[in-house]
Amino acid sequence: MNEVKIYTSATCPYCIKAKKLLQMLKLEYSEYNVDNAFDDMCKELSEKYNKQIQTVPQIIINDNYVGGYTDLEAMYKSGKLKELLH
């Protein structure tokens, strides 16, 4: 089973788009709202994945850093998303 994590904010339109795409792909995900812990999330993910994190959504699939909504969409359209899925 795939482990999909998405870090979101309640008012983020790209977060909504990312969740809709994941739902369309029938991928279950764990959502982490970071409205009250945004700076902590940025620091934690930046250190773990050696990326500069400054926005939401942030999407992790099977412990692979995907990025934001546009990254997820590009991976889906190119077929590379299938490589991350079990």
N, C-alpha and C. Protein backbone atom coordinates (compact mmCIF):
# COMPACT_ATOMS: atom_id res chain seq x y z
N MET A 1 0.84 -1.19 0.00
CA MET A 1 0.00 0.00 0.00
C MET A 1 0.88 1.24 0.00
N ASN A 2 0.44 2.25 -0.71
CA ASN A 2 1.20 3.49 -0.81
C ASN A 2 0.99 4.37 0.42
N GLU A 3 2.05 5.05 0.81
CA GLU A 3 1.95 6.03 1.89
C GLU A 3 2.10 7.41 1.27
N VAL A 4 0.99 8.15 1.30
CA VAL A 4 0.96 9.49 0.71
C VAL A 4 0.67 10.48 1.83
N LYS A 5 1.55 11.47 1.95
CA LYS A 5 1.38 12.53 2.95
C LYS A 5 1.27 13.85 2.21
N ILE A 6 0.33 14.68 2.66
CA ILE A 6 0.19 16.01 2.08
C ILE A 6 0.06 17.03 3.21
N TYR A 7 0.92 18.01 3.16
CA TYR A 7 0.93 19.09 4.15
C TYR A 7 0.19 20.26 3.52
N THR A 8 -0.85 20.74 4.23
CA THR A 8 -1.76 21.71 3.64
C THR A 8 -2.04 22.89 4.56
N SER A 9 -2.72 23.87 3.97
CA SER A 9 -3.27 25.01 4.69
C SER A 9 -4.74 25.09 4.32
N ALA A 10 -5.56 25.55 5.22
CA ALA A 10 -7.01 25.56 5.00
C ALA A 10 -7.44 26.45 3.84
N THR A 11 -6.69 27.49 3.54
CA THR A 11 -7.11 28.45 2.52
C THR A 11 -6.32 28.35 1.22
N CYS A 12 -5.55 27.31 1.05
CA CYS A 12 -4.66 27.18 -0.10
C CYS A 12 -5.37 26.53 -1.29
N PRO A 13 -5.54 27.24 -2.40
CA PRO A 13 -6.22 26.64 -3.56
C PRO A 13 -5.43 25.50 -4.19
N TYR A 14 -4.10 25.56 -4.15
CA TYR A 14 -3.29 24.48 -4.71
C TYR A 14 -3.38 23.22 -3.85
N CYS A 15 -3.60 23.39 -2.56
CA CYS A 15 -3.81 22.24 -1.68
C CYS A 15 -5.09 21.50 -2.08
N ILE A 16 -6.13 22.27 -2.36
CA ILE A 16 -7.40 21.68 -2.77
C ILE A 16 -7.23 20.94 -4.09
N LYS A 17 -6.51 21.54 -5.05
CA LYS A 17 -6.27 20.90 -6.34
C LYS A 17 -5.47 19.61 -6.16
N ALA A 18 -4.47 19.64 -5.31
CA ALA A 18 -3.64 18.45 -5.08
C ALA A 18 -4.47 17.33 -4.48
N LYS A 19 -5.31 17.64 -3.51
CA LYS A 19 -6.15 16.62 -2.90
C LYS A 19 -7.15 16.05 -3.91
N LYS A 20 -7.69 16.90 -4.77
CA LYS A 20 -8.62 16.42 -5.80
C LYS A 20 -7.91 15.48 -6.78
N LEU A 21 -6.68 15.81 -7.15
CA LEU A 21 -5.93 14.94 -8.05
C LEU A 21 -5.65 13.59 -7.39
N LEU A 22 -5.24 13.61 -6.12
CA LEU A 22 -4.99 12.37 -5.39
C LEU A 22 -6.27 11.53 -5.30
N GLN A 23 -7.39 12.19 -5.05
CA GLN A 23 -8.67 11.49 -4.97
C GLN A 23 -9.05 10.90 -6.33
N MET A 24 -8.82 11.66 -7.40
CA MET A 24 -9.13 11.18 -8.75
C MET A 24 -8.30 9.92 -9.06
N LEU A 25 -7.07 9.90 -8.55
CA LEU A 25 -6.19 8.75 -8.77
C LEU A 25 -6.47 7.61 -7.80
N LYS A 26 -7.46 7.83 -6.92
CA LYS A 26 -7.86 6.85 -5.92
C LYS A 26 -6.71 6.50 -4.97
N LEU A 27 -5.93 7.52 -4.62
CA LEU A 27 -4.83 7.36 -3.68
C LEU A 27 -5.27 7.88 -2.32
N GLU A 28 -5.22 7.02 -1.33
CA GLU A 28 -5.51 7.46 0.03
C GLU A 28 -4.32 8.25 0.54
N TYR A 29 -4.58 9.27 1.35
CA TYR A 29 -3.49 10.10 1.84
C TYR A 29 -3.77 10.54 3.27
N SER A 30 -2.68 10.89 3.94
CA SER A 30 -2.77 11.49 5.27
C SER A 30 -2.53 12.97 5.09
N GLU A 31 -3.47 13.76 5.60
CA GLU A 31 -3.37 15.21 5.46
C GLU A 31 -2.92 15.83 6.78
N TYR A 32 -1.97 16.72 6.69
CA TYR A 32 -1.46 17.43 7.85
C TYR A 32 -1.66 18.92 7.63
N ASN A 33 -2.61 19.50 8.36
CA ASN A 33 -2.84 20.93 8.26
C ASN A 33 -1.77 21.64 9.08
N VAL A 34 -1.04 22.53 8.44
CA VAL A 34 0.08 23.19 9.10
C VAL A 34 -0.18 24.68 9.34
N ASP A 35 -1.46 25.06 9.38
CA ASP A 35 -1.78 26.47 9.63
C ASP A 35 -1.12 27.00 10.90
N ASN A 36 -1.05 26.15 11.93
CA ASN A 36 -0.47 26.59 13.20
C ASN A 36 0.96 26.10 13.40
N ALA A 37 1.53 25.45 12.39
CA ALA A 37 2.89 24.91 12.53
C ALA A 37 3.66 25.02 11.22
N PHE A 38 3.38 26.06 10.44
CA PHE A 38 3.98 26.21 9.12
C PHE A 38 5.51 26.27 9.18
N ASP A 39 6.04 27.10 10.05
CA ASP A 39 7.50 27.24 10.15
C ASP A 39 8.16 25.93 10.56
N ASP A 40 7.53 25.20 11.47
CA ASP A 40 8.07 23.90 11.90
C ASP A 40 8.08 22.91 10.74
N MET A 41 6.99 22.89 9.96
CA MET A 41 6.90 21.99 8.81
C MET A 41 7.99 22.33 7.79
N CYS A 42 8.16 23.63 7.50
CA CYS A 42 9.18 24.05 6.54
C CYS A 42 10.56 23.58 6.98
N LYS A 43 10.87 23.79 8.24
CA LYS A 43 12.18 23.41 8.76
C LYS A 43 12.37 21.89 8.71
N GLU A 44 11.38 21.15 9.19
CA GLU A 44 11.48 19.69 9.24
C GLU A 44 11.66 19.09 7.84
N LEU A 45 10.81 19.49 6.90
CA LEU A 45 10.90 18.92 5.55
C LEU A 45 12.15 19.40 4.82
N SER A 46 12.55 20.64 5.05
CA SER A 46 13.77 21.16 4.42
C SER A 46 14.98 20.35 4.84
N GLU A 47 15.05 20.05 6.13
CA GLU A 47 16.18 19.26 6.64
C GLU A 47 16.12 17.82 6.16
N LYS A 48 14.93 17.22 6.17
CA LYS A 48 14.81 15.81 5.81
C LYS A 48 15.09 15.56 4.33
N TYR A 49 14.59 16.45 3.46
CA TYR A 49 14.71 16.22 2.02
C TYR A 49 15.72 17.13 1.34
N ASN A 50 16.45 17.91 2.13
CA ASN A 50 17.48 18.80 1.61
C ASN A 50 16.94 19.71 0.50
N LYS A 51 15.76 20.28 0.76
CA LYS A 51 15.09 21.20 -0.16
C LYS A 51 14.71 22.44 0.61
N GLN A 52 14.60 23.55 -0.07
CA GLN A 52 14.13 24.76 0.58
C GLN A 52 12.61 24.80 0.47
N ILE A 53 11.93 24.56 1.58
CA ILE A 53 10.47 24.48 1.62
C ILE A 53 9.92 25.81 2.13
N GLN A 54 9.02 26.41 1.33
CA GLN A 54 8.45 27.70 1.73
C GLN A 54 6.96 27.81 1.45
N THR A 55 6.35 26.76 0.91
CA THR A 55 4.95 26.84 0.52
C THR A 55 4.22 25.54 0.85
N VAL A 56 2.92 25.57 0.72
CA VAL A 56 2.08 24.37 0.75
C VAL A 56 1.33 24.34 -0.57
N PRO A 57 0.89 23.19 -1.01
CA PRO A 57 1.06 21.89 -0.37
C PRO A 57 2.46 21.35 -0.54
N GLN A 58 2.81 20.42 0.32
CA GLN A 58 4.03 19.62 0.19
C GLN A 58 3.57 18.18 0.18
N ILE A 59 4.01 17.45 -0.83
CA ILE A 59 3.53 16.09 -1.04
C ILE A 59 4.69 15.11 -0.99
N ILE A 60 4.51 14.07 -0.20
CA ILE A 60 5.50 13.01 -0.03
C ILE A 60 4.81 11.68 -0.37
N ILE A 61 5.41 10.91 -1.27
CA ILE A 61 4.83 9.61 -1.63
C ILE A 61 5.87 8.53 -1.39
N ASN A 62 5.52 7.59 -0.52
CA ASN A 62 6.42 6.49 -0.16
C ASN A 62 7.82 7.00 0.19
N ASP A 63 7.83 8.04 1.01
CA ASP A 63 9.04 8.69 1.52
C ASP A 63 9.88 9.34 0.41
N ASN A 64 9.26 9.58 -0.75
CA ASN A 64 9.91 10.32 -1.83
C ASN A 64 9.30 11.71 -1.90
N TYR A 65 10.14 12.73 -1.88
CA TYR A 65 9.66 14.10 -1.96
C TYR A 65 9.17 14.39 -3.37
N VAL A 66 7.90 14.77 -3.49
CA VAL A 66 7.32 15.11 -4.79
C VAL A 66 7.38 16.62 -5.00
N GLY A 67 6.97 17.38 -4.01
CA GLY A 67 6.92 18.84 -4.13
C GLY A 67 5.51 19.33 -3.94
N GLY A 68 5.14 20.34 -4.72
CA GLY A 68 3.81 20.92 -4.62
C GLY A 68 2.86 20.38 -5.67
N TYR A 69 1.74 21.08 -5.84
CA TYR A 69 0.72 20.62 -6.77
C TYR A 69 1.23 20.55 -8.20
N THR A 70 1.92 21.57 -8.67
CA THR A 70 2.38 21.56 -10.06
C THR A 70 3.37 20.43 -10.30
N ASP A 71 4.18 20.11 -9.29
CA ASP A 71 5.10 18.98 -9.40
C ASP A 71 4.33 17.66 -9.50
N LEU A 72 3.32 17.50 -8.65
CA LEU A 72 2.49 16.30 -8.66
C LEU A 72 1.79 16.15 -10.01
N GLU A 73 1.22 17.24 -10.50
CA GLU A 73 0.52 17.20 -11.78
C GLU A 73 1.47 16.84 -12.92
N ALA A 74 2.66 17.43 -12.92
CA ALA A 74 3.65 17.14 -13.97
C ALA A 74 4.07 15.67 -13.93
N MET A 75 4.27 15.13 -12.72
CA MET A 75 4.64 13.72 -12.59
C MET A 75 3.53 12.82 -13.10
N TYR A 76 2.29 13.20 -12.80
CA TYR A 76 1.14 12.41 -13.27
C TYR A 76 1.07 12.43 -14.80
N LYS A 77 1.17 13.62 -15.39
CA LYS A 77 1.05 13.75 -16.84
C LYS A 77 2.20 13.06 -17.59
N SER A 78 3.39 13.04 -16.99
CA SER A 78 4.54 12.43 -17.66
C SER A 78 4.61 10.91 -17.44
N GLY A 79 3.80 10.41 -16.50
CA GLY A 79 3.83 8.98 -16.19
C GLY A 79 4.84 8.63 -15.11
N LYS A 80 5.60 9.59 -14.63
CA LYS A 80 6.62 9.32 -13.61
C LYS A 80 6.01 9.02 -12.24
N LEU A 81 4.79 9.45 -12.02
CA LEU A 81 4.13 9.20 -10.74
C LEU A 81 3.97 7.69 -10.51
N LYS A 82 3.70 6.94 -11.57
CA LYS A 82 3.54 5.49 -11.46
C LYS A 82 4.78 4.82 -10.89
N GLU A 83 5.95 5.40 -11.16
CA GLU A 83 7.21 4.83 -10.67
C GLU A 83 7.31 4.90 -9.15
N LEU A 84 6.64 5.88 -8.53
CA LEU A 84 6.70 6.02 -7.08
C LEU A 84 5.67 5.15 -6.36
N LEU A 85 4.70 4.66 -7.10
CA LEU A 85 3.60 3.93 -6.50
C LEU A 85 3.86 2.43 -6.52
N HIS A 86 3.36 1.74 -5.49
CA HIS A 86 3.50 0.29 -5.39
C HIS A 86 2.38 -0.40 -6.13
